[in-house]
Amino acid sequence: MGRAITSGMPRDIQERAFALALRVVTLERDDSFRVTVRRVIVEQLVRAATSIGANLEEATGAQSKADFIARVGIARKEAREVQFWLRLGQEAGVVQAADWTGLLQEAEEVSRVVSAIARSAKRSTSRGD
């Protein structure tokens, strides 16, 4: 049975990297460590989540098709990153799972829509100006 490959990368390495991050953020249980972990996860989440909209906004003012595709591509990557931070925060117990479940679902949906926009733009023969 073959491995699923995403963009040339075996899925198992992504899972191993996630498991490593989870082990690190749950390494210590003292309050100081947990506060630091929470701050880092939340800061990264906020950066990635706000970057999606900012890059989509920049894409609407793109000066070329290549610029549009690049900005949408960045938004797509940020949407994937949001999913990572949400999943890590949830599994690390940084916040209650019920608080983040809806956010994770929305992040997945946003990621799918942005990916579809990127694919469509790449297939389009018009310049988009």
N, C-alpha and C. Protein backbone atom coordinates (compact mmCIF):
# COMPACT_ATOMS: atom_id res chain seq x y z
N MET A 1 0.83 -1.18 0.00
CA MET A 1 0.00 0.00 0.00
C MET A 1 0.88 1.25 0.00
N GLY A 2 0.63 2.19 -0.95
CA GLY A 2 1.46 3.38 -1.10
C GLY A 2 1.09 4.47 -0.11
N ARG A 3 2.02 5.38 0.07
CA ARG A 3 1.80 6.53 0.95
C ARG A 3 1.13 7.65 0.17
N ALA A 4 0.29 8.38 0.86
CA ALA A 4 -0.31 9.57 0.26
C ALA A 4 0.77 10.66 0.20
N ILE A 5 0.89 11.27 -0.96
CA ILE A 5 1.87 12.32 -1.15
C ILE A 5 1.13 13.64 -1.38
N THR A 6 1.51 14.66 -0.63
CA THR A 6 0.94 15.98 -0.80
C THR A 6 2.06 16.90 -1.25
N SER A 7 1.95 17.40 -2.47
CA SER A 7 2.96 18.31 -3.01
C SER A 7 4.36 17.71 -2.90
N GLY A 8 4.49 16.42 -3.15
CA GLY A 8 5.79 15.78 -3.12
C GLY A 8 6.31 15.45 -1.74
N MET A 9 5.52 15.69 -0.71
CA MET A 9 5.96 15.44 0.66
C MET A 9 5.12 14.32 1.26
N PRO A 10 5.77 13.30 1.80
CA PRO A 10 5.00 12.23 2.43
C PRO A 10 4.20 12.76 3.61
N ARG A 11 2.95 12.36 3.69
CA ARG A 11 2.07 12.84 4.77
C ARG A 11 2.60 12.44 6.14
N ASP A 12 3.28 11.31 6.23
CA ASP A 12 3.74 10.88 7.55
C ASP A 12 4.76 11.84 8.16
N ILE A 13 5.54 12.54 7.34
CA ILE A 13 6.51 13.49 7.92
C ILE A 13 5.77 14.69 8.50
N GLN A 14 4.66 15.07 7.89
CA GLN A 14 3.86 16.14 8.45
C GLN A 14 3.28 15.73 9.80
N GLU A 15 2.82 14.50 9.88
CA GLU A 15 2.27 13.99 11.14
C GLU A 15 3.36 13.86 12.20
N ARG A 16 4.54 13.42 11.79
CA ARG A 16 5.65 13.32 12.75
C ARG A 16 6.06 14.70 13.25
N ALA A 17 6.08 15.69 12.35
CA ALA A 17 6.43 17.06 12.74
C ALA A 17 5.39 17.61 13.70
N PHE A 18 4.12 17.33 13.43
CA PHE A 18 3.06 17.77 14.33
C PHE A 18 3.21 17.10 15.69
N ALA A 19 3.44 15.80 15.70
CA ALA A 19 3.61 15.07 16.96
C ALA A 19 4.80 15.61 17.75
N LEU A 20 5.87 15.98 17.06
CA LEU A 20 7.03 16.57 17.72
C LEU A 20 6.66 17.90 18.37
N ALA A 21 5.96 18.75 17.61
CA ALA A 21 5.53 20.04 18.17
C ALA A 21 4.64 19.83 19.39
N LEU A 22 3.73 18.88 19.30
CA LEU A 22 2.84 18.59 20.42
C LEU A 22 3.61 18.11 21.64
N ARG A 23 4.60 17.26 21.43
CA ARG A 23 5.41 16.78 22.55
C ARG A 23 6.16 17.93 23.21
N VAL A 24 6.67 18.84 22.39
CA VAL A 24 7.42 19.98 22.95
C VAL A 24 6.51 20.90 23.75
N VAL A 25 5.34 21.24 23.19
CA VAL A 25 4.47 22.19 23.89
C VAL A 25 3.80 21.59 25.12
N THR A 26 3.83 20.28 25.25
CA THR A 26 3.26 19.64 26.44
C THR A 26 4.35 19.06 27.35
N LEU A 27 5.59 19.44 27.10
CA LEU A 27 6.74 18.93 27.83
C LEU A 27 6.68 19.25 29.32
N GLU A 28 6.36 20.47 29.63
CA GLU A 28 6.32 20.92 31.02
C GLU A 28 4.90 21.31 31.39
N ARG A 29 4.57 21.12 32.64
CA ARG A 29 3.22 21.46 33.10
C ARG A 29 3.19 22.65 34.06
N ASP A 30 4.36 23.26 34.32
CA ASP A 30 4.31 24.40 35.25
C ASP A 30 3.64 25.60 34.58
N ASP A 31 3.13 26.49 35.40
CA ASP A 31 2.34 27.62 34.91
C ASP A 31 3.12 28.51 33.94
N SER A 32 4.35 28.78 34.25
CA SER A 32 5.16 29.66 33.41
C SER A 32 5.33 29.08 32.00
N PHE A 33 5.62 27.81 31.93
CA PHE A 33 5.78 27.15 30.63
C PHE A 33 4.47 27.17 29.85
N ARG A 34 3.37 26.85 30.51
CA ARG A 34 2.06 26.82 29.85
C ARG A 34 1.65 28.20 29.34
N VAL A 35 1.97 29.23 30.10
CA VAL A 35 1.66 30.60 29.67
C VAL A 35 2.45 30.94 28.41
N THR A 36 3.72 30.55 28.39
CA THR A 36 4.56 30.80 27.22
C THR A 36 4.02 30.05 26.00
N VAL A 37 3.68 28.79 26.19
CA VAL A 37 3.14 27.98 25.09
C VAL A 37 1.86 28.60 24.55
N ARG A 38 0.97 28.96 25.45
CA ARG A 38 -0.30 29.58 25.02
C ARG A 38 -0.04 30.86 24.24
N ARG A 39 0.86 31.70 24.74
CA ARG A 39 1.17 32.97 24.06
C ARG A 39 1.72 32.71 22.66
N VAL A 40 2.65 31.79 22.53
CA VAL A 40 3.25 31.49 21.24
C VAL A 40 2.20 30.96 20.26
N ILE A 41 1.40 30.00 20.70
CA ILE A 41 0.38 29.42 19.81
C ILE A 41 -0.63 30.47 19.39
N VAL A 42 -1.09 31.25 20.32
CA VAL A 42 -2.09 32.28 19.99
C VAL A 42 -1.49 33.34 19.08
N GLU A 43 -0.26 33.78 19.35
CA GLU A 43 0.38 34.78 18.48
C GLU A 43 0.55 34.25 17.06
N GLN A 44 1.01 33.03 16.92
CA GLN A 44 1.19 32.44 15.59
C GLN A 44 -0.15 32.30 14.88
N LEU A 45 -1.15 31.89 15.61
CA LEU A 45 -2.49 31.75 15.06
C LEU A 45 -3.02 33.09 14.56
N VAL A 46 -2.87 34.12 15.37
CA VAL A 46 -3.34 35.45 14.97
C VAL A 46 -2.60 35.95 13.75
N ARG A 47 -1.29 35.76 13.71
CA ARG A 47 -0.50 36.20 12.55
C ARG A 47 -0.97 35.51 11.27
N ALA A 48 -1.11 34.20 11.33
CA ALA A 48 -1.50 33.45 10.14
C ALA A 48 -2.92 33.79 9.72
N ALA A 49 -3.84 33.86 10.67
CA ALA A 49 -5.25 34.13 10.35
C ALA A 49 -5.43 35.51 9.75
N THR A 50 -4.73 36.51 10.28
CA THR A 50 -4.88 37.85 9.74
C THR A 50 -4.17 38.00 8.39
N SER A 51 -3.17 37.19 8.16
CA SER A 51 -2.44 37.24 6.89
C SER A 51 -3.30 36.75 5.72
N ILE A 52 -4.21 35.83 5.98
CA ILE A 52 -5.08 35.33 4.90
C ILE A 52 -5.83 36.49 4.27
N GLY A 53 -6.56 37.21 5.08
CA GLY A 53 -7.35 38.33 4.56
C GLY A 53 -6.50 39.43 3.96
N ALA A 54 -5.37 39.73 4.59
CA ALA A 54 -4.49 40.78 4.08
C ALA A 54 -3.97 40.42 2.69
N ASN A 55 -3.57 39.18 2.49
CA ASN A 55 -3.07 38.77 1.18
C ASN A 55 -4.18 38.70 0.14
N LEU A 56 -5.37 38.30 0.53
CA LEU A 56 -6.49 38.32 -0.41
C LEU A 56 -6.83 39.75 -0.80
N GLU A 57 -6.75 40.66 0.16
CA GLU A 57 -6.99 42.09 -0.14
C GLU A 57 -5.94 42.60 -1.12
N GLU A 58 -4.68 42.25 -0.88
CA GLU A 58 -3.62 42.66 -1.80
C GLU A 58 -3.82 42.06 -3.18
N ALA A 59 -4.35 40.84 -3.23
CA ALA A 59 -4.59 40.18 -4.52
C ALA A 59 -5.61 40.95 -5.35
N THR A 60 -6.59 41.56 -4.69
CA THR A 60 -7.60 42.30 -5.44
C THR A 60 -7.00 43.52 -6.13
N GLY A 61 -5.88 44.00 -5.64
CA GLY A 61 -5.20 45.13 -6.27
C GLY A 61 -3.95 44.72 -7.02
N ALA A 62 -3.85 43.46 -7.34
CA ALA A 62 -2.65 42.95 -8.01
C ALA A 62 -2.41 43.67 -9.34
N GLN A 63 -1.15 43.85 -9.66
CA GLN A 63 -0.78 44.55 -10.89
C GLN A 63 -0.64 43.62 -12.08
N SER A 64 -0.67 42.31 -11.81
CA SER A 64 -0.56 41.33 -12.90
C SER A 64 -1.18 40.01 -12.43
N LYS A 65 -1.37 39.12 -13.39
CA LYS A 65 -1.89 37.80 -13.05
C LYS A 65 -0.91 37.07 -12.12
N ALA A 66 0.38 37.20 -12.42
CA ALA A 66 1.40 36.54 -11.58
C ALA A 66 1.35 37.07 -10.15
N ASP A 67 1.17 38.37 -10.00
CA ASP A 67 1.07 38.98 -8.68
C ASP A 67 -0.17 38.47 -7.96
N PHE A 68 -1.29 38.38 -8.67
CA PHE A 68 -2.54 37.86 -8.09
C PHE A 68 -2.33 36.43 -7.61
N ILE A 69 -1.76 35.60 -8.47
CA ILE A 69 -1.53 34.19 -8.12
C ILE A 69 -0.60 34.06 -6.92
N ALA A 70 0.42 34.90 -6.87
CA ALA A 70 1.37 34.85 -5.75
C ALA A 70 0.68 35.21 -4.43
N ARG A 71 -0.13 36.27 -4.44
CA ARG A 71 -0.82 36.70 -3.21
C ARG A 71 -1.83 35.66 -2.75
N VAL A 72 -2.59 35.10 -3.70
CA VAL A 72 -3.56 34.06 -3.34
C VAL A 72 -2.82 32.83 -2.82
N GLY A 73 -1.67 32.53 -3.41
CA GLY A 73 -0.87 31.40 -2.94
C GLY A 73 -0.39 31.58 -1.51
N ILE A 74 0.00 32.79 -1.17
CA ILE A 74 0.41 33.07 0.21
C ILE A 74 -0.79 32.90 1.14
N ALA A 75 -1.95 33.42 0.72
CA ALA A 75 -3.16 33.28 1.54
C ALA A 75 -3.48 31.80 1.76
N ARG A 76 -3.30 30.99 0.71
CA ARG A 76 -3.56 29.55 0.83
C ARG A 76 -2.62 28.91 1.84
N LYS A 77 -1.35 29.27 1.80
CA LYS A 77 -0.39 28.72 2.76
C LYS A 77 -0.72 29.15 4.18
N GLU A 78 -1.11 30.39 4.34
CA GLU A 78 -1.46 30.89 5.67
C GLU A 78 -2.71 30.16 6.21
N ALA A 79 -3.66 29.86 5.31
CA ALA A 79 -4.86 29.13 5.73
C ALA A 79 -4.48 27.74 6.23
N ARG A 80 -3.52 27.11 5.59
CA ARG A 80 -3.05 25.80 6.06
C ARG A 80 -2.35 25.95 7.41
N GLU A 81 -1.59 27.03 7.56
CA GLU A 81 -0.89 27.25 8.83
C GLU A 81 -1.89 27.47 9.97
N VAL A 82 -2.96 28.18 9.70
CA VAL A 82 -4.00 28.39 10.71
C VAL A 82 -4.51 27.04 11.19
N GLN A 83 -4.73 26.12 10.27
CA GLN A 83 -5.22 24.79 10.65
C GLN A 83 -4.22 24.10 11.58
N PHE A 84 -2.94 24.23 11.28
CA PHE A 84 -1.91 23.64 12.13
C PHE A 84 -1.98 24.19 13.55
N TRP A 85 -1.99 25.53 13.68
CA TRP A 85 -1.99 26.15 15.00
C TRP A 85 -3.26 25.84 15.77
N LEU A 86 -4.39 25.81 15.08
CA LEU A 86 -5.65 25.46 15.75
C LEU A 86 -5.60 24.02 16.27
N ARG A 87 -5.13 23.13 15.42
CA ARG A 87 -5.04 21.72 15.82
C ARG A 87 -4.06 21.55 16.99
N LEU A 88 -2.91 22.21 16.90
CA LEU A 88 -1.92 22.10 17.98
C LEU A 88 -2.47 22.67 19.27
N GLY A 89 -3.09 23.83 19.20
CA GLY A 89 -3.66 24.44 20.40
C GLY A 89 -4.73 23.57 21.03
N GLN A 90 -5.53 22.96 20.19
CA GLN A 90 -6.60 22.09 20.69
C GLN A 90 -6.02 20.85 21.35
N GLU A 91 -5.11 20.17 20.65
CA GLU A 91 -4.56 18.92 21.19
C GLU A 91 -3.63 19.14 22.37
N ALA A 92 -3.04 20.33 22.46
CA ALA A 92 -2.16 20.65 23.60
C ALA A 92 -2.97 21.10 24.80
N GLY A 93 -4.27 21.31 24.60
CA GLY A 93 -5.11 21.74 25.71
C GLY A 93 -4.94 23.21 26.08
N VAL A 94 -4.45 23.99 25.12
CA VAL A 94 -4.25 25.41 25.37
C VAL A 94 -5.59 26.10 25.63
N VAL A 95 -6.59 25.68 24.91
CA VAL A 95 -7.96 26.16 25.14
C VAL A 95 -8.88 24.96 25.04
N GLN A 96 -10.11 25.14 25.43
CA GLN A 96 -11.08 24.05 25.36
C GLN A 96 -11.38 23.71 23.90
N ALA A 97 -11.49 22.44 23.61
CA ALA A 97 -11.75 21.97 22.26
C ALA A 97 -13.02 22.58 21.68
N ALA A 98 -14.03 22.75 22.50
CA ALA A 98 -15.30 23.30 22.01
C ALA A 98 -15.12 24.72 21.49
N ASP A 99 -14.19 25.46 22.05
CA ASP A 99 -13.94 26.83 21.60
C ASP A 99 -13.33 26.88 20.21
N TRP A 100 -12.54 25.88 19.85
CA TRP A 100 -11.78 25.95 18.60
C TRP A 100 -12.33 25.07 17.50
N THR A 101 -13.25 24.17 17.81
CA THR A 101 -13.76 23.25 16.80
C THR A 101 -14.38 24.01 15.63
N GLY A 102 -15.22 24.99 15.90
CA GLY A 102 -15.83 25.79 14.84
C GLY A 102 -14.80 26.56 14.04
N LEU A 103 -13.76 27.05 14.72
CA LEU A 103 -12.70 27.77 14.03
C LEU A 103 -11.94 26.85 13.09
N LEU A 104 -11.67 25.63 13.52
CA LEU A 104 -10.95 24.69 12.67
C LEU A 104 -11.77 24.36 11.43
N GLN A 105 -13.06 24.16 11.60
CA GLN A 105 -13.93 23.88 10.45
C GLN A 105 -13.93 25.06 9.48
N GLU A 106 -14.04 26.27 10.00
CA GLU A 106 -14.03 27.46 9.14
C GLU A 106 -12.68 27.61 8.44
N ALA A 107 -11.59 27.34 9.14
CA ALA A 107 -10.26 27.41 8.54
C ALA A 107 -10.13 26.42 7.39
N GLU A 108 -10.66 25.22 7.56
CA GLU A 108 -10.62 24.22 6.49
C GLU A 108 -11.44 24.68 5.29
N GLU A 109 -12.60 25.27 5.53
CA GLU A 109 -13.45 25.74 4.44
C GLU A 109 -12.80 26.92 3.71
N VAL A 110 -12.24 27.86 4.46
CA VAL A 110 -11.54 29.00 3.85
C VAL A 110 -10.37 28.48 3.00
N SER A 111 -9.63 27.52 3.54
CA SER A 111 -8.50 26.95 2.81
C SER A 111 -8.96 26.33 1.49
N ARG A 112 -10.07 25.61 1.50
CA ARG A 112 -10.58 25.01 0.26
C ARG A 112 -10.98 26.07 -0.76
N VAL A 113 -11.65 27.12 -0.31
CA VAL A 113 -12.08 28.18 -1.23
C VAL A 113 -10.87 28.90 -1.81
N VAL A 114 -9.91 29.25 -0.97
CA VAL A 114 -8.72 29.95 -1.45
C VAL A 114 -7.93 29.06 -2.41
N SER A 115 -7.85 27.78 -2.12
CA SER A 115 -7.17 26.84 -3.02
C SER A 115 -7.87 26.78 -4.38
N ALA A 116 -9.20 26.78 -4.36
CA ALA A 116 -9.96 26.77 -5.61
C ALA A 116 -9.71 28.04 -6.41
N ILE A 117 -9.63 29.18 -5.74
CA ILE A 117 -9.33 30.44 -6.42
C ILE A 117 -7.94 30.37 -7.06
N ALA A 118 -6.98 29.83 -6.33
CA ALA A 118 -5.61 29.71 -6.85
C ALA A 118 -5.57 28.80 -8.08
N ARG A 119 -6.25 27.66 -8.01
CA ARG A 119 -6.27 26.75 -9.16
C ARG A 119 -6.93 27.40 -10.37
N SER A 120 -8.03 28.08 -10.14
CA SER A 120 -8.75 28.74 -11.21
C SER A 120 -7.90 29.82 -11.87
N ALA A 121 -7.21 30.60 -11.05
CA ALA A 121 -6.36 31.66 -11.58
C ALA A 121 -5.22 31.10 -12.41
N LYS A 122 -4.64 30.01 -11.98
CA LYS A 122 -3.55 29.39 -12.73
C LYS A 122 -4.01 28.84 -14.07
N ARG A 123 -5.26 28.33 -14.12
CA ARG A 123 -5.80 27.76 -15.36
C ARG A 123 -6.29 28.85 -16.31
N SER A 124 -6.64 30.00 -15.80
CA SER A 124 -7.20 31.08 -16.61
C SER A 124 -6.21 31.55 -17.65
N THR A 125 -6.71 31.81 -18.85
CA THR A 125 -5.84 32.29 -19.92
C THR A 125 -5.78 33.81 -19.97
N SER A 126 -6.72 34.47 -19.27
CA SER A 126 -6.69 35.94 -19.28
C SER A 126 -5.63 36.44 -18.32
N ARG A 127 -5.18 37.63 -18.56
CA ARG A 127 -4.17 38.25 -17.72
C ARG A 127 -4.74 38.70 -16.40
N GLY A 128 -6.01 38.99 -16.37
CA GLY A 128 -6.64 39.40 -15.12
C GLY A 128 -6.50 40.87 -14.83
N ASP A 129 -6.01 41.64 -15.78
CA ASP A 129 -5.86 43.09 -15.57
C ASP A 129 -7.17 43.80 -15.76
